[in-house]
Amino acid sequence: MQKILIVEDDLAIQALLHDFIQEAGYSVELASDGVEALSRFSEQNFDLVLLDIMLPKIDGYGVCEVIRQKSNVPIIMLTALDGEESQIKGLDLQADDYITKPFSMPVLIRKIAAILRRTSKQEDTPHIMSYKDLTLDLDGYKVYSSEGNIELTPREFEILRELLNHKGRILTRQNFLQTLWKYEFFGDERIIDTHIKNLRKKLGTVDYIETIRGVGYRIDKEDKE
């Protein structure tokens, strides 16, 4: 599922965007100011950023500029600033589109889909995620270390990917169930513990996954270790 970061300080608009975009089939994360947006972006992988300009702490132009220094992720600027100068500034910062408020939600959803289709076609190399000695091939559901290929079940791979997508954050059993099983799960939530145990065994002598007793599991950020 493609993931979109919505950066909007107006909570009513934020909730509206969240509901419509999630209903359209995308995973959604929210941020209410520029600092929170950059923090979310550094912690997770996103397929597109929907970015308001008039934000607290760091405005949308600043957020766009910082993101562009390290990523080509598509950015749609969504703002009440409809002047030509504001639009040119956003496009000069390499935003992919600029939509002014008020806007049509169905049109916005279609613009998002069009941009994601275009960027997907441009990606000729496999999606790769790396952490310390581990390399994940996100398209092939394969994991490698310096010792070779690590055979994981699809669910073990998804759990590892989810932990790496949220480095530094504690994920509870409910987090995993809601994200990976969604509404298909009716059993004991401690099945997560079994998957984690098997995952640790397959990853070898290095214990990448930290147990937070009574809460959940975490893979820490590399710069904190």
N, C-alpha and C. Protein backbone atom coordinates (compact mmCIF):
# COMPACT_ATOMS: atom_id res chain seq x y z
N MET A 1 0.84 -1.19 0.00
CA MET A 1 0.00 0.00 0.00
C MET A 1 0.88 1.25 0.00
N GLN A 2 0.59 2.18 -0.91
CA GLN A 2 1.37 3.41 -0.99
C GLN A 2 1.04 4.34 0.17
N LYS A 3 2.07 4.99 0.68
CA LYS A 3 1.92 5.80 1.89
C LYS A 3 2.08 7.28 1.57
N ILE A 4 1.16 8.09 2.10
CA ILE A 4 1.16 9.53 1.86
C ILE A 4 1.28 10.28 3.18
N LEU A 5 2.15 11.27 3.21
CA LEU A 5 2.30 12.15 4.36
C LEU A 5 1.50 13.42 4.10
N ILE A 6 0.52 13.69 4.96
CA ILE A 6 -0.29 14.91 4.86
C ILE A 6 0.23 15.91 5.89
N VAL A 7 0.65 17.07 5.42
CA VAL A 7 1.17 18.12 6.31
C VAL A 7 0.19 19.29 6.24
N GLU A 8 -0.61 19.46 7.29
CA GLU A 8 -1.67 20.47 7.30
C GLU A 8 -1.95 20.88 8.74
N ASP A 9 -1.91 22.17 9.03
CA ASP A 9 -2.13 22.62 10.41
C ASP A 9 -3.59 22.87 10.75
N ASP A 10 -4.46 23.03 9.75
CA ASP A 10 -5.89 23.17 9.99
C ASP A 10 -6.46 21.77 10.24
N LEU A 11 -6.87 21.49 11.49
CA LEU A 11 -7.26 20.13 11.86
C LEU A 11 -8.50 19.66 11.13
N ALA A 12 -9.40 20.58 10.80
CA ALA A 12 -10.60 20.18 10.06
C ALA A 12 -10.24 19.72 8.65
N ILE A 13 -9.37 20.49 7.97
CA ILE A 13 -8.92 20.10 6.64
C ILE A 13 -8.08 18.84 6.71
N GLN A 14 -7.24 18.75 7.75
CA GLN A 14 -6.41 17.56 7.93
C GLN A 14 -7.27 16.30 8.04
N ALA A 15 -8.35 16.37 8.84
CA ALA A 15 -9.23 15.22 9.01
C ALA A 15 -9.94 14.87 7.71
N LEU A 16 -10.37 15.90 6.98
CA LEU A 16 -11.04 15.68 5.70
C LEU A 16 -10.10 14.98 4.71
N LEU A 17 -8.87 15.49 4.60
CA LEU A 17 -7.90 14.88 3.70
C LEU A 17 -7.59 13.45 4.11
N HIS A 18 -7.41 13.24 5.40
CA HIS A 18 -7.11 11.91 5.91
C HIS A 18 -8.19 10.92 5.49
N ASP A 19 -9.45 11.26 5.72
CA ASP A 19 -10.54 10.33 5.46
C ASP A 19 -10.68 10.03 3.96
N PHE A 20 -10.62 11.07 3.13
CA PHE A 20 -10.80 10.87 1.70
C PHE A 20 -9.64 10.07 1.10
N ILE A 21 -8.42 10.42 1.49
CA ILE A 21 -7.25 9.76 0.90
C ILE A 21 -7.14 8.32 1.39
N GLN A 22 -7.46 8.09 2.65
CA GLN A 22 -7.44 6.71 3.16
C GLN A 22 -8.53 5.89 2.48
N GLU A 23 -9.70 6.49 2.28
CA GLU A 23 -10.79 5.80 1.61
C GLU A 23 -10.42 5.45 0.17
N ALA A 24 -9.53 6.25 -0.42
CA ALA A 24 -9.08 6.00 -1.80
C ALA A 24 -8.07 4.86 -1.87
N GLY A 25 -7.68 4.32 -0.72
CA GLY A 25 -6.82 3.14 -0.73
C GLY A 25 -5.37 3.38 -0.37
N TYR A 26 -5.06 4.55 0.20
CA TYR A 26 -3.68 4.86 0.57
C TYR A 26 -3.51 4.79 2.08
N SER A 27 -2.29 4.47 2.51
CA SER A 27 -1.92 4.59 3.91
C SER A 27 -1.55 6.05 4.18
N VAL A 28 -1.95 6.57 5.33
CA VAL A 28 -1.80 8.01 5.60
C VAL A 28 -1.10 8.25 6.93
N GLU A 29 -0.17 9.19 6.93
CA GLU A 29 0.43 9.71 8.15
C GLU A 29 0.18 11.22 8.18
N LEU A 30 0.06 11.79 9.38
CA LEU A 30 -0.29 13.20 9.54
C LEU A 30 0.81 13.98 10.25
N ALA A 31 0.95 15.24 9.88
CA ALA A 31 1.84 16.18 10.58
C ALA A 31 1.16 17.54 10.58
N SER A 32 1.30 18.28 11.69
CA SER A 32 0.60 19.56 11.83
C SER A 32 1.50 20.77 11.74
N ASP A 33 2.80 20.58 11.66
CA ASP A 33 3.72 21.70 11.48
C ASP A 33 4.96 21.22 10.74
N GLY A 34 5.83 22.15 10.36
CA GLY A 34 6.98 21.81 9.55
C GLY A 34 7.99 20.91 10.24
N VAL A 35 8.20 21.14 11.53
CA VAL A 35 9.16 20.32 12.28
C VAL A 35 8.67 18.88 12.38
N GLU A 36 7.38 18.73 12.70
CA GLU A 36 6.81 17.38 12.79
C GLU A 36 6.85 16.68 11.43
N ALA A 37 6.63 17.44 10.37
CA ALA A 37 6.66 16.86 9.02
C ALA A 37 8.03 16.28 8.70
N LEU A 38 9.08 17.04 8.98
CA LEU A 38 10.43 16.57 8.68
C LEU A 38 10.82 15.39 9.57
N SER A 39 10.33 15.40 10.81
CA SER A 39 10.58 14.26 11.69
C SER A 39 9.91 13.00 11.16
N ARG A 40 8.64 13.11 10.75
CA ARG A 40 7.93 11.96 10.18
C ARG A 40 8.65 11.47 8.92
N PHE A 41 9.08 12.41 8.09
CA PHE A 41 9.71 12.03 6.82
C PHE A 41 11.03 11.30 7.05
N SER A 42 11.76 11.68 8.09
CA SER A 42 13.05 11.03 8.37
C SER A 42 12.86 9.64 8.97
N GLU A 43 11.70 9.40 9.58
CA GLU A 43 11.46 8.13 10.26
C GLU A 43 10.87 7.05 9.34
N GLN A 44 10.18 7.48 8.28
CA GLN A 44 9.45 6.53 7.46
C GLN A 44 9.68 6.79 5.97
N ASN A 45 9.28 5.82 5.16
CA ASN A 45 9.33 5.96 3.71
C ASN A 45 7.95 6.33 3.19
N PHE A 46 7.89 7.40 2.40
CA PHE A 46 6.62 7.85 1.85
C PHE A 46 6.67 7.84 0.33
N ASP A 47 5.51 7.62 -0.28
CA ASP A 47 5.41 7.64 -1.74
C ASP A 47 5.03 9.01 -2.26
N LEU A 48 4.44 9.86 -1.40
CA LEU A 48 4.04 11.20 -1.81
C LEU A 48 3.83 12.06 -0.57
N VAL A 49 4.11 13.36 -0.69
CA VAL A 49 3.87 14.31 0.40
C VAL A 49 2.87 15.35 -0.07
N LEU A 50 1.80 15.51 0.70
CA LEU A 50 0.80 16.55 0.45
C LEU A 50 1.08 17.67 1.44
N LEU A 51 1.51 18.82 0.96
CA LEU A 51 2.17 19.82 1.81
C LEU A 51 1.48 21.18 1.76
N ASP A 52 0.94 21.61 2.90
CA ASP A 52 0.44 22.98 3.02
C ASP A 52 1.64 23.93 3.11
N ILE A 53 1.44 25.19 2.74
CA ILE A 53 2.54 26.15 2.79
C ILE A 53 2.56 26.94 4.09
N MET A 54 1.41 27.44 4.51
CA MET A 54 1.36 28.27 5.72
C MET A 54 1.32 27.39 6.95
N LEU A 55 2.50 26.95 7.38
CA LEU A 55 2.63 26.04 8.52
C LEU A 55 3.36 26.71 9.68
N PRO A 56 3.07 26.29 10.91
CA PRO A 56 3.86 26.77 12.06
C PRO A 56 5.28 26.21 12.02
N LYS A 57 6.19 26.91 12.69
CA LYS A 57 7.58 26.49 12.92
C LYS A 57 8.43 26.55 11.66
N ILE A 58 8.12 25.74 10.66
CA ILE A 58 8.81 25.81 9.36
C ILE A 58 7.72 25.79 8.30
N ASP A 59 7.73 26.77 7.40
CA ASP A 59 6.67 26.79 6.40
C ASP A 59 6.89 25.72 5.33
N GLY A 60 5.88 25.56 4.46
CA GLY A 60 5.94 24.50 3.46
C GLY A 60 7.09 24.64 2.49
N TYR A 61 7.46 25.88 2.18
CA TYR A 61 8.61 26.08 1.29
C TYR A 61 9.87 25.50 1.93
N GLY A 62 10.05 25.77 3.22
CA GLY A 62 11.23 25.25 3.92
C GLY A 62 11.23 23.75 3.99
N VAL A 63 10.04 23.17 4.27
CA VAL A 63 9.94 21.71 4.32
C VAL A 63 10.27 21.11 2.97
N CYS A 64 9.73 21.69 1.92
CA CYS A 64 9.99 21.20 0.56
C CYS A 64 11.48 21.26 0.24
N GLU A 65 12.12 22.36 0.60
CA GLU A 65 13.54 22.52 0.30
C GLU A 65 14.38 21.47 1.01
N VAL A 66 14.07 21.19 2.29
CA VAL A 66 14.83 20.19 3.05
C VAL A 66 14.61 18.80 2.46
N ILE A 67 13.36 18.47 2.13
CA ILE A 67 13.07 17.15 1.56
C ILE A 67 13.81 16.97 0.24
N ARG A 68 13.82 18.01 -0.57
CA ARG A 68 14.46 17.90 -1.88
C ARG A 68 15.98 17.74 -1.80
N GLN A 69 16.56 18.09 -0.68
CA GLN A 69 18.00 17.91 -0.51
C GLN A 69 18.37 16.43 -0.40
N LYS A 70 17.37 15.58 -0.06
CA LYS A 70 17.69 14.17 0.14
C LYS A 70 16.73 13.20 -0.53
N SER A 71 15.69 13.71 -1.20
CA SER A 71 14.71 12.80 -1.77
C SER A 71 14.01 13.42 -2.98
N ASN A 72 13.61 12.55 -3.92
CA ASN A 72 12.82 12.96 -5.07
C ASN A 72 11.37 12.54 -4.92
N VAL A 73 10.94 12.27 -3.68
CA VAL A 73 9.56 11.88 -3.45
C VAL A 73 8.61 12.94 -4.02
N PRO A 74 7.52 12.55 -4.68
CA PRO A 74 6.58 13.54 -5.21
C PRO A 74 6.00 14.42 -4.11
N ILE A 75 5.90 15.72 -4.38
CA ILE A 75 5.33 16.68 -3.44
C ILE A 75 4.24 17.48 -4.14
N ILE A 76 3.05 17.49 -3.54
CA ILE A 76 1.96 18.34 -4.01
C ILE A 76 1.75 19.43 -2.97
N MET A 77 1.90 20.68 -3.36
CA MET A 77 1.63 21.80 -2.46
C MET A 77 0.15 22.14 -2.51
N LEU A 78 -0.45 22.24 -1.34
CA LEU A 78 -1.88 22.51 -1.21
C LEU A 78 -2.04 23.74 -0.32
N THR A 79 -2.50 24.85 -0.89
CA THR A 79 -2.42 26.10 -0.15
C THR A 79 -3.46 27.12 -0.59
N ALA A 80 -3.73 28.08 0.29
CA ALA A 80 -4.63 29.20 -0.03
C ALA A 80 -3.91 30.30 -0.79
N LEU A 81 -2.58 30.20 -0.90
CA LEU A 81 -1.80 31.22 -1.62
C LEU A 81 -1.92 30.95 -3.12
N ASP A 82 -2.78 31.74 -3.78
CA ASP A 82 -3.04 31.45 -5.19
C ASP A 82 -2.36 32.40 -6.16
N GLY A 83 -1.48 33.27 -5.65
CA GLY A 83 -0.78 34.19 -6.52
C GLY A 83 0.26 33.49 -7.38
N GLU A 84 0.55 34.07 -8.52
CA GLU A 84 1.52 33.48 -9.44
C GLU A 84 2.90 33.37 -8.80
N GLU A 85 3.29 34.38 -8.04
CA GLU A 85 4.62 34.36 -7.41
C GLU A 85 4.76 33.19 -6.45
N SER A 86 3.70 32.91 -5.67
CA SER A 86 3.74 31.79 -4.73
C SER A 86 3.83 30.47 -5.46
N GLN A 87 3.09 30.33 -6.55
CA GLN A 87 3.13 29.09 -7.33
C GLN A 87 4.50 28.88 -7.96
N ILE A 88 5.07 29.94 -8.50
CA ILE A 88 6.39 29.84 -9.13
C ILE A 88 7.44 29.43 -8.09
N LYS A 89 7.33 30.01 -6.89
CA LYS A 89 8.30 29.67 -5.83
C LYS A 89 8.21 28.19 -5.48
N GLY A 90 6.98 27.68 -5.37
CA GLY A 90 6.81 26.27 -5.06
C GLY A 90 7.36 25.37 -6.15
N LEU A 91 7.08 25.72 -7.39
CA LEU A 91 7.56 24.91 -8.51
C LEU A 91 9.08 25.03 -8.68
N ASP A 92 9.63 26.19 -8.36
CA ASP A 92 11.09 26.35 -8.40
C ASP A 92 11.78 25.47 -7.36
N LEU A 93 11.07 25.18 -6.26
CA LEU A 93 11.62 24.29 -5.24
C LEU A 93 11.39 22.82 -5.60
N GLN A 94 10.92 22.58 -6.83
CA GLN A 94 10.73 21.25 -7.41
C GLN A 94 9.54 20.50 -6.82
N ALA A 95 8.50 21.25 -6.41
CA ALA A 95 7.23 20.60 -6.11
C ALA A 95 6.66 20.05 -7.41
N ASP A 96 5.95 18.94 -7.33
CA ASP A 96 5.42 18.30 -8.54
C ASP A 96 4.10 18.92 -8.99
N ASP A 97 3.36 19.49 -8.06
CA ASP A 97 2.10 20.14 -8.42
C ASP A 97 1.77 21.17 -7.34
N TYR A 98 0.85 22.08 -7.69
CA TYR A 98 0.49 23.18 -6.79
C TYR A 98 -1.02 23.36 -6.92
N ILE A 99 -1.75 23.06 -5.84
CA ILE A 99 -3.22 23.11 -5.86
C ILE A 99 -3.69 24.16 -4.85
N THR A 100 -4.56 25.04 -5.29
CA THR A 100 -5.02 26.12 -4.41
C THR A 100 -6.36 25.77 -3.77
N LYS A 101 -6.53 26.26 -2.54
CA LYS A 101 -7.79 26.09 -1.81
C LYS A 101 -8.75 27.21 -2.21
N PRO A 102 -10.07 26.94 -2.25
CA PRO A 102 -10.71 25.63 -2.05
C PRO A 102 -10.47 24.72 -3.25
N PHE A 103 -10.50 23.42 -3.01
CA PHE A 103 -10.18 22.48 -4.07
C PHE A 103 -11.22 21.36 -4.10
N SER A 104 -11.26 20.65 -5.20
CA SER A 104 -12.15 19.51 -5.36
C SER A 104 -11.43 18.26 -4.86
N MET A 105 -12.03 17.56 -3.89
CA MET A 105 -11.40 16.36 -3.37
C MET A 105 -11.26 15.27 -4.44
N PRO A 106 -12.30 15.01 -5.26
CA PRO A 106 -12.12 14.01 -6.33
C PRO A 106 -10.99 14.37 -7.30
N VAL A 107 -10.84 15.67 -7.61
CA VAL A 107 -9.75 16.08 -8.50
C VAL A 107 -8.41 15.84 -7.82
N LEU A 108 -8.31 16.18 -6.54
CA LEU A 108 -7.06 15.96 -5.80
C LEU A 108 -6.68 14.48 -5.80
N ILE A 109 -7.66 13.61 -5.54
CA ILE A 109 -7.39 12.17 -5.51
C ILE A 109 -6.86 11.70 -6.86
N ARG A 110 -7.41 12.23 -7.93
CA ARG A 110 -6.97 11.83 -9.28
C ARG A 110 -5.58 12.38 -9.59
N LYS A 111 -5.27 13.57 -9.10
CA LYS A 111 -3.93 14.11 -9.29
C LYS A 111 -2.90 13.27 -8.55
N ILE A 112 -3.25 12.86 -7.33
CA ILE A 112 -2.36 11.99 -6.56
C ILE A 112 -2.10 10.68 -7.31
N ALA A 113 -3.18 10.08 -7.81
CA ALA A 113 -3.05 8.81 -8.53
C ALA A 113 -2.20 8.97 -9.79
N ALA A 114 -2.39 10.09 -10.51
CA ALA A 114 -1.63 10.31 -11.74
C ALA A 114 -0.15 10.47 -11.46
N ILE A 115 0.18 11.23 -10.42
CA ILE A 115 1.59 11.44 -10.07
C ILE A 115 2.23 10.13 -9.63
N LEU A 116 1.51 9.34 -8.83
CA LEU A 116 2.07 8.07 -8.36
C LEU A 116 2.25 7.08 -9.50
N ARG A 117 1.32 7.10 -10.48
CA ARG A 117 1.49 6.23 -11.65
C ARG A 117 2.74 6.63 -12.43
N ARG A 118 2.93 7.92 -12.58
CA ARG A 118 4.08 8.40 -13.35
C ARG A 118 5.40 8.06 -12.66
N THR A 119 5.46 8.29 -11.36
CA THR A 119 6.71 8.02 -10.65
C THR A 119 6.99 6.53 -10.56
N SER A 120 5.93 5.72 -10.47
CA SER A 120 6.12 4.27 -10.42
C SER A 120 6.74 3.76 -11.70
N LYS A 121 6.32 4.31 -12.83
CA LYS A 121 6.87 3.89 -14.12
C LYS A 121 8.33 4.27 -14.26
N GLN A 122 8.74 5.34 -13.56
CA GLN A 122 10.11 5.81 -13.67
C GLN A 122 11.07 5.01 -12.81
N GLU A 123 10.53 4.17 -11.93
CA GLU A 123 11.38 3.44 -11.00
C GLU A 123 11.76 2.10 -11.63
N ASP A 124 12.96 2.05 -12.18
CA ASP A 124 13.42 0.84 -12.85
C ASP A 124 14.18 -0.09 -11.91
N THR A 125 14.67 0.44 -10.80
CA THR A 125 15.45 -0.36 -9.87
C THR A 125 14.55 -0.88 -8.75
N PRO A 126 14.87 -2.03 -8.15
CA PRO A 126 14.05 -2.55 -7.07
C PRO A 126 14.09 -1.65 -5.84
N HIS A 127 13.00 -1.67 -5.09
CA HIS A 127 12.96 -0.92 -3.83
C HIS A 127 13.84 -1.65 -2.81
N ILE A 128 14.76 -0.92 -2.22
CA ILE A 128 15.71 -1.50 -1.28
C ILE A 128 15.64 -0.74 0.04
N MET A 129 15.68 -1.48 1.14
CA MET A 129 15.78 -0.88 2.48
C MET A 129 16.98 -1.49 3.17
N SER A 130 17.81 -0.67 3.78
CA SER A 130 19.03 -1.17 4.44
C SER A 130 19.05 -0.74 5.91
N TYR A 131 19.57 -1.62 6.74
CA TYR A 131 19.78 -1.31 8.16
C TYR A 131 20.93 -2.17 8.66
N LYS A 132 22.02 -1.49 9.05
CA LYS A 132 23.21 -2.19 9.52
C LYS A 132 23.61 -3.27 8.52
N ASP A 133 23.57 -4.54 8.94
CA ASP A 133 24.04 -5.63 8.08
C ASP A 133 22.91 -6.20 7.20
N LEU A 134 21.70 -5.64 7.33
CA LEU A 134 20.56 -6.19 6.63
C LEU A 134 20.21 -5.38 5.39
N THR A 135 19.81 -6.05 4.33
CA THR A 135 19.28 -5.41 3.13
C THR A 135 17.98 -6.10 2.77
N LEU A 136 16.90 -5.31 2.62
CA LEU A 136 15.60 -5.86 2.25
C LEU A 136 15.28 -5.47 0.82
N ASP A 137 14.95 -6.47 0.02
CA ASP A 137 14.42 -6.25 -1.32
C ASP A 137 12.90 -6.20 -1.17
N LEU A 138 12.32 -4.98 -1.20
CA LEU A 138 10.91 -4.80 -0.88
C LEU A 138 10.00 -5.36 -1.96
N ASP A 139 10.50 -5.44 -3.19
CA ASP A 139 9.69 -6.00 -4.27
C ASP A 139 9.70 -7.53 -4.24
N GLY A 140 10.86 -8.10 -3.95
CA GLY A 140 11.00 -9.55 -3.98
C GLY A 140 10.78 -10.25 -2.67
N TYR A 141 10.51 -9.48 -1.59
CA TYR A 141 10.31 -10.05 -0.26
C TYR A 141 11.51 -10.91 0.13
N LYS A 142 12.72 -10.37 -0.11
CA LYS A 142 13.94 -11.10 0.22
C LYS A 142 14.79 -10.27 1.18
N VAL A 143 15.51 -10.97 2.04
CA VAL A 143 16.39 -10.31 3.01
C VAL A 143 17.79 -10.91 2.88
N TYR A 144 18.78 -10.01 2.91
CA TYR A 144 20.17 -10.45 2.80
C TYR A 144 20.99 -9.87 3.94
N SER A 145 21.99 -10.60 4.35
CA SER A 145 23.00 -10.09 5.28
C SER A 145 24.37 -10.42 4.69
N SER A 146 25.43 -10.09 5.40
CA SER A 146 26.78 -10.39 4.91
C SER A 146 27.01 -11.89 4.78
N GLU A 147 26.16 -12.66 5.46
CA GLU A 147 26.31 -14.13 5.41
C GLU A 147 25.46 -14.75 4.31
N GLY A 148 24.68 -13.94 3.59
CA GLY A 148 23.89 -14.47 2.48
C GLY A 148 22.41 -14.22 2.63
N ASN A 149 21.61 -15.00 1.90
CA ASN A 149 20.17 -14.84 1.89
C ASN A 149 19.55 -15.37 3.18
N ILE A 150 18.58 -14.65 3.73
CA ILE A 150 17.85 -15.08 4.93
C ILE A 150 16.43 -15.42 4.52
N GLU A 151 16.04 -16.66 4.70
CA GLU A 151 14.72 -17.11 4.28
C GLU A 151 13.67 -16.75 5.33
N LEU A 152 12.78 -15.82 4.98
CA LEU A 152 11.69 -15.43 5.87
C LEU A 152 10.35 -15.76 5.23
N THR A 153 9.36 -16.02 6.07
CA THR A 153 8.00 -16.14 5.56
C THR A 153 7.51 -14.74 5.19
N PRO A 154 6.48 -14.63 4.34
CA PRO A 154 5.96 -13.31 4.01
C PRO A 154 5.57 -12.49 5.23
N ARG A 155 4.96 -13.13 6.25
CA ARG A 155 4.55 -12.37 7.43
C ARG A 155 5.75 -11.91 8.24
N GLU A 156 6.77 -12.75 8.34
CA GLU A 156 8.00 -12.33 9.04
C GLU A 156 8.64 -11.15 8.32
N PHE A 157 8.66 -11.21 7.00
CA PHE A 157 9.23 -10.11 6.22
C PHE A 157 8.44 -8.82 6.48
N GLU A 158 7.12 -8.91 6.50
CA GLU A 158 6.29 -7.72 6.71
C GLU A 158 6.50 -7.13 8.10
N ILE A 159 6.68 -7.97 9.10
CA ILE A 159 6.94 -7.48 10.45
C ILE A 159 8.28 -6.76 10.51
N LEU A 160 9.30 -7.35 9.89
CA LEU A 160 10.62 -6.71 9.86
C LEU A 160 10.56 -5.39 9.11
N ARG A 161 9.88 -5.38 7.98
CA ARG A 161 9.73 -4.14 7.21
C ARG A 161 9.01 -3.07 8.01
N GLU A 162 7.98 -3.47 8.73
CA GLU A 162 7.22 -2.50 9.52
C GLU A 162 8.07 -1.91 10.64
N LEU A 163 8.87 -2.73 11.28
CA LEU A 163 9.79 -2.24 12.33
C LEU A 163 10.80 -1.26 11.75
N LEU A 164 11.33 -1.58 10.56
CA LEU A 164 12.32 -0.70 9.93
C LEU A 164 11.69 0.58 9.40
N ASN A 165 10.43 0.52 9.03
CA ASN A 165 9.74 1.72 8.59
C ASN A 165 9.49 2.69 9.74
N HIS A 166 9.55 2.17 10.97
CA HIS A 166 9.29 2.99 12.15
C HIS A 166 10.46 2.92 13.12
N LYS A 167 11.67 3.01 12.60
CA LYS A 167 12.86 2.91 13.46
C LYS A 167 12.78 3.92 14.60
N GLY A 168 13.06 3.44 15.81
CA GLY A 168 13.05 4.30 16.99
C GLY A 168 11.71 4.36 17.69
N ARG A 169 10.65 3.83 17.04
CA ARG A 169 9.31 3.86 17.63
C ARG A 169 8.92 2.46 18.10
N ILE A 170 8.22 2.41 19.23
CA ILE A 170 7.75 1.14 19.76
C ILE A 170 6.45 0.77 19.06
N LEU A 171 6.39 -0.44 18.53
CA LEU A 171 5.17 -0.95 17.89
C LEU A 171 4.56 -2.03 18.78
N THR A 172 3.30 -1.86 19.12
CA THR A 172 2.60 -2.84 19.95
C THR A 172 2.07 -3.98 19.08
N ARG A 173 1.58 -5.01 19.73
CA ARG A 173 0.97 -6.11 18.99
C ARG A 173 -0.22 -5.59 18.17
N GLN A 174 -1.00 -4.69 18.78
CA GLN A 174 -2.14 -4.13 18.07
C GLN A 174 -1.71 -3.34 16.83
N ASN A 175 -0.58 -2.65 16.91
CA ASN A 175 -0.06 -1.94 15.74
C ASN A 175 0.16 -2.90 14.57
N PHE A 176 0.80 -4.03 14.88
CA PHE A 176 1.06 -5.02 13.82
C PHE A 176 -0.24 -5.61 13.28
N LEU A 177 -1.15 -5.95 14.18
CA LEU A 177 -2.41 -6.56 13.75
C LEU A 177 -3.22 -5.61 12.87
N GLN A 178 -3.29 -4.35 13.28
CA GLN A 178 -4.08 -3.38 12.51
C GLN A 178 -3.46 -3.07 11.16
N THR A 179 -2.11 -3.07 11.10
CA THR A 179 -1.43 -2.72 9.86
C THR A 179 -1.31 -3.90 8.91
N LEU A 180 -0.95 -5.07 9.43
CA LEU A 180 -0.63 -6.21 8.58
C LEU A 180 -1.80 -7.18 8.42
N TRP A 181 -2.54 -7.44 9.50
CA TRP A 181 -3.67 -8.37 9.43
C TRP A 181 -4.97 -7.64 9.09
N LYS A 182 -5.05 -6.38 9.46
CA LYS A 182 -6.24 -5.55 9.29
C LYS A 182 -7.43 -6.25 9.94
N TYR A 183 -8.48 -6.56 9.17
CA TYR A 183 -9.69 -7.14 9.77
C TYR A 183 -9.75 -8.65 9.62
N GLU A 184 -8.64 -9.26 9.21
CA GLU A 184 -8.65 -10.68 8.94
C GLU A 184 -8.33 -11.52 10.18
N PHE A 185 -7.94 -10.89 11.28
CA PHE A 185 -7.39 -11.63 12.42
C PHE A 185 -8.44 -11.75 13.53
N PHE A 186 -8.64 -12.98 14.01
CA PHE A 186 -9.62 -13.20 15.07
C PHE A 186 -9.03 -14.04 16.21
N GLY A 187 -7.73 -14.27 16.22
CA GLY A 187 -7.13 -15.15 17.21
C GLY A 187 -6.42 -14.39 18.32
N ASP A 188 -5.46 -15.06 18.94
CA ASP A 188 -4.69 -14.52 20.04
C ASP A 188 -3.63 -13.57 19.49
N GLU A 189 -3.62 -12.33 19.99
CA GLU A 189 -2.67 -11.35 19.48
C GLU A 189 -1.22 -11.72 19.80
N ARG A 190 -1.02 -12.70 20.70
CA ARG A 190 0.35 -13.11 21.03
C ARG A 190 1.00 -13.91 19.90
N ILE A 191 0.27 -14.13 18.82
CA ILE A 191 0.89 -14.72 17.64
C ILE A 191 2.05 -13.85 17.16
N ILE A 192 1.96 -12.54 17.45
CA ILE A 192 3.05 -11.62 17.10
C ILE A 192 4.34 -12.04 17.79
N ASP A 193 4.24 -12.44 19.06
CA ASP A 193 5.42 -12.86 19.81
C ASP A 193 6.09 -14.06 19.15
N THR A 194 5.27 -14.97 18.64
CA THR A 194 5.82 -16.15 17.96
C THR A 194 6.56 -15.76 16.69
N HIS A 195 5.95 -14.87 15.91
CA HIS A 195 6.61 -14.40 14.69
C HIS A 195 7.93 -13.69 15.01
N ILE A 196 7.93 -12.87 16.05
CA ILE A 196 9.15 -12.15 16.44
C ILE A 196 10.22 -13.15 16.87
N LYS A 197 9.82 -14.17 17.64
CA LYS A 197 10.78 -15.19 18.09
C LYS A 197 11.41 -15.89 16.89
N ASN A 198 10.59 -16.28 15.91
CA ASN A 198 11.12 -16.95 14.73
C ASN A 198 11.99 -16.02 13.89
N LEU A 199 11.58 -14.77 13.82
CA LEU A 199 12.33 -13.77 13.07
C LEU A 199 13.72 -13.57 13.68
N ARG A 200 13.77 -13.45 14.98
CA ARG A 200 15.06 -13.29 15.67
C ARG A 200 15.98 -14.49 15.39
N LYS A 201 15.41 -15.68 15.44
CA LYS A 201 16.20 -16.89 15.22
C LYS A 201 16.80 -16.89 13.82
N LYS A 202 16.03 -16.47 12.83
CA LYS A 202 16.50 -16.49 11.45
C LYS A 202 17.51 -15.38 11.17
N LEU A 203 17.40 -14.26 11.89
CA LEU A 203 18.33 -13.15 11.66
C LEU A 203 19.72 -13.43 12.24
N GLY A 204 19.83 -14.45 13.09
CA GLY A 204 21.15 -14.88 13.54
C GLY A 204 21.56 -14.30 14.88
N THR A 205 22.87 -14.19 15.07
CA THR A 205 23.41 -13.84 16.39
C THR A 205 23.16 -12.38 16.77
N VAL A 206 23.00 -11.49 15.80
CA VAL A 206 22.75 -10.08 16.11
C VAL A 206 21.26 -9.89 16.38
N ASP A 207 20.92 -9.40 17.58
CA ASP A 207 19.52 -9.19 17.93
C ASP A 207 19.13 -7.76 17.57
N TYR A 208 18.57 -7.61 16.39
CA TYR A 208 18.19 -6.28 15.91
C TYR A 208 16.94 -5.75 16.61
N ILE A 209 16.10 -6.65 17.10
CA ILE A 209 14.79 -6.27 17.62
C ILE A 209 14.85 -6.18 19.14
N GLU A 210 14.45 -5.05 19.66
CA GLU A 210 14.44 -4.82 21.11
C GLU A 210 13.02 -5.05 21.65
N THR A 211 12.91 -5.82 22.73
CA THR A 211 11.63 -6.02 23.39
C THR A 211 11.45 -4.96 24.47
N ILE A 212 10.35 -4.23 24.40
CA ILE A 212 9.99 -3.26 25.44
C ILE A 212 8.94 -3.95 26.29
N ARG A 213 9.36 -4.44 27.44
CA ARG A 213 8.51 -5.32 28.24
C ARG A 213 7.16 -4.67 28.56
N GLY A 214 6.10 -5.43 28.27
CA GLY A 214 4.76 -4.96 28.56
C GLY A 214 4.21 -3.98 27.55
N VAL A 215 5.01 -3.62 26.53
CA VAL A 215 4.56 -2.62 25.54
C VAL A 215 4.60 -3.18 24.13
N GLY A 216 5.80 -3.56 23.67
CA GLY A 216 5.90 -4.04 22.29
C GLY A 216 7.33 -4.22 21.86
N TYR A 217 7.62 -3.89 20.60
CA TYR A 217 8.94 -4.14 20.01
C TYR A 217 9.43 -2.91 19.26
N ARG A 218 10.75 -2.84 19.11
CA ARG A 218 11.35 -1.68 18.44
C ARG A 218 12.67 -2.07 17.82
N ILE A 219 12.95 -1.47 16.65
CA ILE A 219 14.31 -1.46 16.11
C ILE A 219 14.79 -0.03 16.22
N ASP A 220 15.90 0.17 16.90
CA ASP A 220 16.35 1.52 17.18
C ASP A 220 17.02 2.15 15.97
N LYS A 221 17.03 3.47 15.96
CA LYS A 221 17.74 4.19 14.91
C LYS A 221 19.22 3.95 15.04
N GLU A 222 19.91 3.88 13.91
CA GLU A 222 21.35 3.59 13.92
C GLU A 222 22.14 4.66 14.64
N ASP A 223 21.72 5.93 14.54
CA ASP A 223 22.50 7.01 15.17
C ASP A 223 22.30 7.08 16.67
N LYS A 224 21.41 6.23 17.21
CA LYS A 224 21.20 6.22 18.65
C LYS A 224 21.94 5.08 19.31
N GLU A 225 22.57 4.27 18.53
CA GLU A 225 23.20 3.07 19.08
C GLU A 225 24.69 3.25 19.28
